[in-house]
PDB file of N, CA and C in Angstrom:
ATOM      1  N   UNK A   1      36.251  50.829  49.351  1.00  0.00           N
ATOM      2  CA  UNK A   1      36.784  50.204  50.536  1.00  0.00           C
ATOM      3  C   UNK A   1      37.385  48.853  50.177  1.00  0.00           C
ATOM      4  N   UNK A   2      38.605  48.644  50.578  1.00  0.00           N
ATOM      5  CA  UNK A   2      39.267  47.377  50.311  1.00  0.00           C
ATOM      6  C   UNK A   2      39.005  46.427  51.471  1.00  0.00           C
ATOM      7  N   UNK A   3      38.426  45.285  51.176  1.00  0.00           N
ATOM      8  CA  UNK A   3      38.150  44.288  52.211  1.00  0.00           C
ATOM      9  C   UNK A   3      39.219  43.199  52.141  1.00  0.00           C
ATOM     10  N   UNK A   4      39.636  42.749  53.294  1.00  0.00           N
ATOM     11  CA  UNK A   4      40.646  41.696  53.371  1.00  0.00           C
ATOM     12  C   UNK A   4      39.990  40.383  53.785  1.00  0.00           C
ATOM     13  N   UNK A   5      40.746  39.311  53.692  1.00  0.00           N
ATOM     14  CA  UNK A   5      40.256  38.008  54.141  1.00  0.00           C
ATOM     15  C   UNK A   5      39.905  38.090  55.625  1.00  0.00           C
ATOM     16  N   UNK A   6      40.744  38.748  56.411  1.00  0.00           N
ATOM     17  CA  UNK A   6      40.483  38.898  57.848  1.00  0.00           C
ATOM     18  C   UNK A   6      39.166  39.644  58.072  1.00  0.00           C
ATOM     19  N   UNK A   7      38.958  40.734  57.348  1.00  0.00           N
ATOM     20  CA  UNK A   7      37.709  41.496  57.463  1.00  0.00           C
ATOM     21  C   UNK A   7      36.507  40.613  57.137  1.00  0.00           C
ATOM     22  N   UNK A   8      36.651  39.807  56.093  1.00  0.00           N
ATOM     23  CA  UNK A   8      35.560  38.947  55.650  1.00  0.00           C
ATOM     24  C   UNK A   8      35.227  37.902  56.720  1.00  0.00           C
ATOM     25  N   UNK A   9      36.242  37.319  57.333  1.00  0.00           N
ATOM     26  CA  UNK A   9      36.014  36.344  58.399  1.00  0.00           C
ATOM     27  C   UNK A   9      35.355  37.009  59.600  1.00  0.00           C
ATOM     28  N   UNK A  10      35.846  38.176  59.991  1.00  0.00           N
ATOM     29  CA  UNK A  10      35.261  38.900  61.123  1.00  0.00           C
ATOM     30  C   UNK A  10      33.795  39.220  60.851  1.00  0.00           C
ATOM     31  N   UNK A  11      33.504  39.678  59.646  1.00  0.00           N
ATOM     32  CA  UNK A  11      32.123  39.989  59.263  1.00  0.00           C
ATOM     33  C   UNK A  11      31.230  38.752  59.423  1.00  0.00           C
ATOM     34  N   UNK A  12      31.718  37.603  58.958  1.00  0.00           N
ATOM     35  CA  UNK A  12      30.952  36.351  59.057  1.00  0.00           C
ATOM     36  C   UNK A  12      30.740  35.957  60.518  1.00  0.00           C
ATOM     37  N   UNK A  13      31.800  36.002  61.313  1.00  0.00           N
ATOM     38  CA  UNK A  13      31.684  35.597  62.717  1.00  0.00           C
ATOM     39  C   UNK A  13      30.787  36.545  63.508  1.00  0.00           C
ATOM     40  N   UNK A  14      30.841  37.828  63.210  1.00  0.00           N
ATOM     41  CA  UNK A  14      29.956  38.788  63.882  1.00  0.00           C
ATOM     42  C   UNK A  14      28.500  38.513  63.535  1.00  0.00           C
ATOM     43  N   UNK A  15      28.236  38.170  62.275  1.00  0.00           N
ATOM     44  CA  UNK A  15      26.855  37.882  61.876  1.00  0.00           C
ATOM     45  C   UNK A  15      26.360  36.598  62.549  1.00  0.00           C
ATOM     46  N   UNK A  16      27.232  35.601  62.673  1.00  0.00           N
ATOM     47  CA  UNK A  16      26.848  34.379  63.387  1.00  0.00           C
ATOM     48  C   UNK A  16      26.569  34.686  64.853  1.00  0.00           C
ATOM     49  N   UNK A  17      27.436  35.463  65.465  1.00  0.00           N
ATOM     50  CA  UNK A  17      27.286  35.815  66.875  1.00  0.00           C
ATOM     51  C   UNK A  17      25.992  36.595  67.118  1.00  0.00           C
ATOM     52  N   UNK A  18      25.714  37.521  66.237  1.00  0.00           N
ATOM     53  CA  UNK A  18      24.490  38.330  66.365  1.00  0.00           C
ATOM     54  C   UNK A  18      23.242  37.454  66.275  1.00  0.00           C
ATOM     55  N   UNK A  19      23.314  36.427  65.432  1.00  0.00           N
ATOM     56  CA  UNK A  19      22.182  35.514  65.257  1.00  0.00           C
ATOM     57  C   UNK A  19      22.170  34.400  66.310  1.00  0.00           C
ATOM     58  N   UNK A  20      23.090  34.489  67.285  1.00  0.00           N
ATOM     59  CA  UNK A  20      23.209  33.489  68.350  1.00  0.00           C
ATOM     60  C   UNK A  20      23.547  32.100  67.801  1.00  0.00           C
ATOM     61  N   UNK A  21      24.250  32.063  66.669  1.00  0.00           N
ATOM     62  CA  UNK A  21      24.723  30.816  66.063  1.00  0.00           C
ATOM     63  C   UNK A  21      26.227  30.737  66.290  1.00  0.00           C
ATOM     64  N   UNK A  22      26.617  30.251  67.439  1.00  0.00           N
ATOM     65  CA  UNK A  22      28.016  30.298  67.829  1.00  0.00           C
ATOM     66  C   UNK A  22      28.823  29.082  67.405  1.00  0.00           C
ATOM     67  N   UNK A  23      28.210  28.131  66.727  1.00  0.00           N
ATOM     68  CA  UNK A  23      28.920  26.950  66.263  1.00  0.00           C
ATOM     69  C   UNK A  23      29.078  27.019  64.748  1.00  0.00           C
ATOM     70  N   UNK A  24      30.262  26.662  64.282  1.00  0.00           N
ATOM     71  CA  UNK A  24      30.511  26.663  62.848  1.00  0.00           C
ATOM     72  C   UNK A  24      31.604  25.665  62.535  1.00  0.00           C
ATOM     73  N   UNK A  25      31.702  25.313  61.268  1.00  0.00           N
ATOM     74  CA  UNK A  25      32.701  24.360  60.790  1.00  0.00           C
ATOM     75  C   UNK A  25      33.807  25.123  60.065  1.00  0.00           C
ATOM     76  N   UNK A  26      34.954  24.502  59.986  1.00  0.00           N
ATOM     77  CA  UNK A  26      36.050  25.094  59.218  1.00  0.00           C
ATOM     78  C   UNK A  26      35.603  25.339  57.778  1.00  0.00           C
ATOM     79  N   UNK A  27      34.833  24.431  57.225  1.00  0.00           N
ATOM     80  CA  UNK A  27      34.377  24.579  55.834  1.00  0.00           C
ATOM     81  C   UNK A  27      33.507  25.813  55.648  1.00  0.00           C
ATOM     82  N   UNK A  28      32.805  26.244  56.690  1.00  0.00           N
ATOM     83  CA  UNK A  28      31.987  27.457  56.595  1.00  0.00           C
ATOM     84  C   UNK A  28      32.873  28.660  56.284  1.00  0.00           C
ATOM     85  N   UNK A  29      34.057  28.692  56.884  1.00  0.00           N
ATOM     86  CA  UNK A  29      34.983  29.794  56.627  1.00  0.00           C
ATOM     87  C   UNK A  29      35.644  29.641  55.260  1.00  0.00           C
ATOM     88  N   UNK A  30      35.940  28.411  54.878  1.00  0.00           N
ATOM     89  CA  UNK A  30      36.552  28.178  53.571  1.00  0.00           C
ATOM     90  C   UNK A  30      35.601  28.569  52.442  1.00  0.00           C
ATOM     91  N   UNK A  31      34.313  28.364  52.643  1.00  0.00           N
ATOM     92  CA  UNK A  31      33.322  28.729  51.627  1.00  0.00           C
ATOM     93  C   UNK A  31      33.265  30.236  51.396  1.00  0.00           C
ATOM     94  N   UNK A  32      33.755  31.005  52.363  1.00  0.00           N
ATOM     95  CA  UNK A  32      33.782  32.458  52.185  1.00  0.00           C
ATOM     96  C   UNK A  32      34.612  32.857  50.977  1.00  0.00           C
ATOM     97  N   UNK A  33      35.568  32.024  50.598  1.00  0.00           N
ATOM     98  CA  UNK A  33      36.378  32.300  49.414  1.00  0.00           C
ATOM     99  C   UNK A  33      35.481  32.466  48.191  1.00  0.00           C
ATOM    100  N   UNK A  34      34.528  31.556  48.029  1.00  0.00           N
ATOM    101  CA  UNK A  34      33.622  31.608  46.881  1.00  0.00           C
ATOM    102  C   UNK A  34      32.554  32.686  47.049  1.00  0.00           C
ATOM    103  N   UNK A  35      32.123  32.891  48.279  1.00  0.00           N
ATOM    104  CA  UNK A  35      31.140  33.940  48.559  1.00  0.00           C
ATOM    105  C   UNK A  35      31.740  35.310  48.253  1.00  0.00           C
ATOM    106  N   UNK A  36      33.019  35.486  48.558  1.00  0.00           N
ATOM    107  CA  UNK A  36      33.706  36.745  48.260  1.00  0.00           C
ATOM    108  C   UNK A  36      33.676  37.072  46.779  1.00  0.00           C
ATOM    109  N   UNK A  37      33.836  36.060  45.954  1.00  0.00           N
ATOM    110  CA  UNK A  37      33.788  36.260  44.493  1.00  0.00           C
ATOM    111  C   UNK A  37      32.424  36.822  44.100  1.00  0.00           C
ATOM    112  N   UNK A  38      31.382  36.247  44.664  1.00  0.00           N
ATOM    113  CA  UNK A  38      30.029  36.693  44.339  1.00  0.00           C
ATOM    114  C   UNK A  38      29.738  38.070  44.931  1.00  0.00           C
ATOM    115  N   UNK A  39      30.109  38.277  46.182  1.00  0.00           N
ATOM    116  CA  UNK A  39      29.787  39.516  46.897  1.00  0.00           C
ATOM    117  C   UNK A  39      30.636  40.696  46.450  1.00  0.00           C
ATOM    118  N   UNK A  40      31.935  40.463  46.292  1.00  0.00           N
ATOM    119  CA  UNK A  40      32.862  41.560  46.014  1.00  0.00           C
ATOM    120  C   UNK A  40      33.382  41.572  44.581  1.00  0.00           C
ATOM    121  N   UNK A  41      32.978  40.595  43.784  1.00  0.00           N
ATOM    122  CA  UNK A  41      33.375  40.566  42.383  1.00  0.00           C
ATOM    123  C   UNK A  41      34.770  40.023  42.138  1.00  0.00           C
ATOM    124  N   UNK A  42      35.412  39.525  43.187  1.00  0.00           N
ATOM    125  CA  UNK A  42      36.742  38.933  43.032  1.00  0.00           C
ATOM    126  C   UNK A  42      37.020  38.002  44.198  1.00  0.00           C
ATOM    127  N   UNK A  43      37.938  37.079  43.976  1.00  0.00           N
ATOM    128  CA  UNK A  43      38.376  36.218  45.062  1.00  0.00           C
ATOM    129  C   UNK A  43      39.285  37.024  45.974  1.00  0.00           C
ATOM    130  N   UNK A  44      39.011  36.991  47.252  1.00  0.00           N
ATOM    131  CA  UNK A  44      39.881  37.660  48.224  1.00  0.00           C
ATOM    132  C   UNK A  44      41.044  36.755  48.598  1.00  0.00           C
ATOM    133  N   UNK A  45      40.825  35.455  48.462  1.00  0.00           N
ATOM    134  CA  UNK A  45      41.856  34.482  48.774  1.00  0.00           C
ATOM    135  C   UNK A  45      41.320  33.083  48.559  1.00  0.00           C
ATOM    136  N   UNK A  46      42.219  32.126  48.533  1.00  0.00           N
ATOM    137  CA  UNK A  46      41.831  30.726  48.360  1.00  0.00           C
ATOM    138  C   UNK A  46      41.246  30.189  49.662  1.00  0.00           C
ATOM    139  N   UNK A  47      40.711  28.994  49.604  1.00  0.00           N
ATOM    140  CA  UNK A  47      40.183  28.369  50.818  1.00  0.00           C
ATOM    141  C   UNK A  47      41.303  28.196  51.843  1.00  0.00           C
ATOM    142  N   UNK A  48      42.506  27.892  51.365  1.00  0.00           N
ATOM    143  CA  UNK A  48      43.646  27.739  52.269  1.00  0.00           C
ATOM    144  C   UNK A  48      44.015  29.077  52.927  1.00  0.00           C
ATOM    145  N   UNK A  49      43.879  30.167  52.182  1.00  0.00           N
ATOM    146  CA  UNK A  49      44.157  31.493  52.730  1.00  0.00           C
ATOM    147  C   UNK A  49      43.206  31.793  53.885  1.00  0.00           C
ATOM    148  N   UNK A  50      41.945  31.444  53.726  1.00  0.00           N
ATOM    149  CA  UNK A  50      40.958  31.661  54.794  1.00  0.00           C
ATOM    150  C   UNK A  50      41.299  30.818  56.019  1.00  0.00           C
ATOM    151  N   UNK A  51      41.724  29.577  55.793  1.00  0.00           N
ATOM    152  CA  UNK A  51      42.100  28.704  56.902  1.00  0.00           C
ATOM    153  C   UNK A  51      43.309  29.262  57.645  1.00  0.00           C
ATOM    154  N   UNK A  52      44.322  29.719  56.909  1.00  0.00           N
ATOM    155  CA  UNK A  52      45.524  30.296  57.536  1.00  0.00           C
ATOM    156  C   UNK A  52      45.186  31.553  58.328  1.00  0.00           C
ATOM    157  N   UNK A  53      44.357  32.404  57.744  1.00  0.00           N
ATOM    158  CA  UNK A  53      44.002  33.656  58.426  1.00  0.00           C
ATOM    159  C   UNK A  53      43.194  33.379  59.692  1.00  0.00           C
ATOM    160  N   UNK A  54      42.316  32.410  59.637  1.00  0.00           N
ATOM    161  CA  UNK A  54      41.544  32.005  60.819  1.00  0.00           C
ATOM    162  C   UNK A  54      42.495  31.546  61.929  1.00  0.00           C
ATOM    163  N   UNK A  55      43.505  30.772  61.578  1.00  0.00           N
ATOM    164  CA  UNK A  55      44.502  30.313  62.552  1.00  0.00           C
ATOM    165  C   UNK A  55      45.248  31.502  63.154  1.00  0.00           C
ATOM    166  N   UNK A  56      45.667  32.447  62.298  1.00  0.00           N
ATOM    167  CA  UNK A  56      46.374  33.643  62.792  1.00  0.00           C
ATOM    168  C   UNK A  56      45.502  34.454  63.747  1.00  0.00           C
ATOM    169  N   UNK A  57      44.239  34.576  63.415  1.00  0.00           N
ATOM    170  CA  UNK A  57      43.327  35.341  64.253  1.00  0.00           C
ATOM    171  C   UNK A  57      43.189  34.698  65.633  1.00  0.00           C
ATOM    172  N   UNK A  58      43.168  33.383  65.673  1.00  0.00           N
ATOM    173  CA  UNK A  58      43.112  32.680  66.968  1.00  0.00           C
ATOM    174  C   UNK A  58      44.403  32.898  67.737  1.00  0.00           C
ATOM    175  N   UNK A  59      45.530  32.758  67.066  1.00  0.00           N
ATOM    176  CA  UNK A  59      46.835  32.901  67.715  1.00  0.00           C
ATOM    177  C   UNK A  59      47.059  34.326  68.214  1.00  0.00           C
ATOM    178  N   UNK A  60      46.579  35.308  67.461  1.00  0.00           N
ATOM    179  CA  UNK A  60      46.769  36.714  67.827  1.00  0.00           C
ATOM    180  C   UNK A  60      45.753  37.202  68.864  1.00  0.00           C
ATOM    181  N   UNK A  61      44.792  36.354  69.229  1.00  0.00           N
ATOM    182  CA  UNK A  61      43.803  36.726  70.235  1.00  0.00           C
ATOM    183  C   UNK A  61      42.694  37.631  69.721  1.00  0.00           C
ATOM    184  N   UNK A  62      42.569  37.740  68.410  1.00  0.00           N
ATOM    185  CA  UNK A  62      41.511  38.569  67.820  1.00  0.00           C
ATOM    186  C   UNK A  62      40.153  37.923  68.042  1.00  0.00           C
ATOM    187  N   UNK A  63      40.141  36.608  67.969  1.00  0.00           N
ATOM    188  CA  UNK A  63      38.925  35.850  68.261  1.00  0.00           C
ATOM    189  C   UNK A  63      39.273  34.773  69.265  1.00  0.00           C
ATOM    190  N   UNK A  64      38.271  34.362  70.009  1.00  0.00           N
ATOM    191  CA  UNK A  64      38.440  33.245  70.929  1.00  0.00           C
ATOM    192  C   UNK A  64      37.424  32.180  70.540  1.00  0.00           C
ATOM    193  N   UNK A  65      37.947  30.998  70.245  1.00  0.00           N
ATOM    194  CA  UNK A  65      37.112  29.864  69.861  1.00  0.00           C
ATOM    195  C   UNK A  65      37.607  28.633  70.604  1.00  0.00           C
ATOM    196  N   UNK A  66      36.747  27.632  70.656  1.00  0.00           N
ATOM    197  CA  UNK A  66      37.185  26.354  71.197  1.00  0.00           C
ATOM    198  C   UNK A  66      36.749  25.254  70.241  1.00  0.00           C
ATOM    199  N   UNK A  67      37.584  24.225  70.180  1.00  0.00           N
ATOM    200  CA  UNK A  67      37.248  23.064  69.366  1.00  0.00           C
ATOM    201  C   UNK A  67      36.141  22.294  70.052  1.00  0.00           C
ATOM    202  N   UNK A  68      35.214  21.810  69.240  1.00  0.00           N
ATOM    203  CA  UNK A  68      34.095  21.032  69.748  1.00  0.00           C
ATOM    204  C   UNK A  68      34.226  19.627  69.162  1.00  0.00           C
ATOM    205  N   UNK A  69      34.142  18.601  69.993  1.00  0.00           N
ATOM    206  CA  UNK A  69      34.237  17.235  69.466  1.00  0.00           C
ATOM    207  C   UNK A  69      33.219  17.003  68.351  1.00  0.00           C
ATOM    208  N   UNK A  70      33.706  16.440  67.260  1.00  0.00           N
ATOM    209  CA  UNK A  70      32.854  16.222  66.095  1.00  0.00           C
ATOM    210  C   UNK A  70      33.393  15.030  65.330  1.00  0.00           C
ATOM    211  N   UNK A  71      32.510  14.136  64.937  1.00  0.00           N
ATOM    212  CA  UNK A  71      32.924  12.986  64.137  1.00  0.00           C
ATOM    213  C   UNK A  71      32.982  13.413  62.683  1.00  0.00           C
ATOM    214  N   UNK A  72      34.114  13.265  62.102  1.00  0.00           N
ATOM    215  CA  UNK A  72      34.288  13.651  60.704  1.00  0.00           C
ATOM    216  C   UNK A  72      35.652  14.263  60.502  1.00  0.00           C
ATOM    217  N   UNK A  73      35.949  14.620  59.272  1.00  0.00           N
ATOM    218  CA  UNK A  73      37.264  15.149  58.953  1.00  0.00           C
ATOM    219  C   UNK A  73      37.412  16.621  59.305  1.00  0.00           C
ATOM    220  N   UNK A  74      36.327  17.330  59.320  1.00  0.00           N
ATOM    221  CA  UNK A  74      36.406  18.759  59.577  1.00  0.00           C
ATOM    222  C   UNK A  74      36.392  19.051  61.067  1.00  0.00           C
ATOM    223  N   UNK A  75      36.825  20.250  61.378  1.00  0.00           N
ATOM    224  CA  UNK A  75      36.803  20.696  62.762  1.00  0.00           C
ATOM    225  C   UNK A  75      35.556  21.551  62.992  1.00  0.00           C
ATOM    226  N   UNK A  76      34.928  21.335  64.122  1.00  0.00           N
ATOM    227  CA  UNK A  76      33.786  22.160  64.536  1.00  0.00           C
ATOM    228  C   UNK A  76      34.278  23.089  65.623  1.00  0.00           C
ATOM    229  N   UNK A  77      33.798  24.338  65.595  1.00  0.00           N
ATOM    230  CA  UNK A  77      34.253  25.380  66.517  1.00  0.00           C
ATOM    231  C   UNK A  77      33.063  26.016  67.222  1.00  0.00           C
ATOM    232  N   UNK A  78      33.337  26.517  68.418  1.00  0.00           N
ATOM    233  CA  UNK A  78      32.346  27.336  69.139  1.00  0.00           C
ATOM    234  C   UNK A  78      32.993  28.697  69.346  1.00  0.00           C
ATOM    235  N   UNK A  79      32.309  29.738  68.891  1.00  0.00           N
ATOM    236  CA  UNK A  79      32.798  31.105  69.036  1.00  0.00           C
ATOM    237  C   UNK A  79      32.540  31.565  70.455  1.00  0.00           C
ATOM    238  N   UNK A  80      33.624  31.964  71.144  1.00  0.00           N
ATOM    239  CA  UNK A  80      33.519  32.456  72.512  1.00  0.00           C
ATOM    240  C   UNK A  80      33.471  33.971  72.554  1.00  0.00           C
ATOM    241  N   UNK A  81      34.315  34.625  71.734  1.00  0.00           N
ATOM    242  CA  UNK A  81      34.289  36.084  71.676  1.00  0.00           C
ATOM    243  C   UNK A  81      34.972  36.566  70.410  1.00  0.00           C
ATOM    244  N   UNK A  82      34.546  37.757  70.028  1.00  0.00           N
ATOM    245  CA  UNK A  82      35.138  38.415  68.864  1.00  0.00           C
ATOM    246  C   UNK A  82      35.236  39.901  69.168  1.00  0.00           C
TER     247      UNK A  82
END
């Protein structure tokens, strides 16, 4: 089975949702790049690829998230639906 960056992000967000952990940081998704290497034996994409795909998923309505005010350079998100 070939897994894509989008599949990997969806898998992560579904696991967070199932665990009732609906808040996450952009860096949590970027770290999936390195986790993919360990889990699947290869990089599925760079950290920037994960960030771009996350943006596309929001724009395409695949996921619904909202920005949560957070002090710092990163963005914090709340997952509304997947």
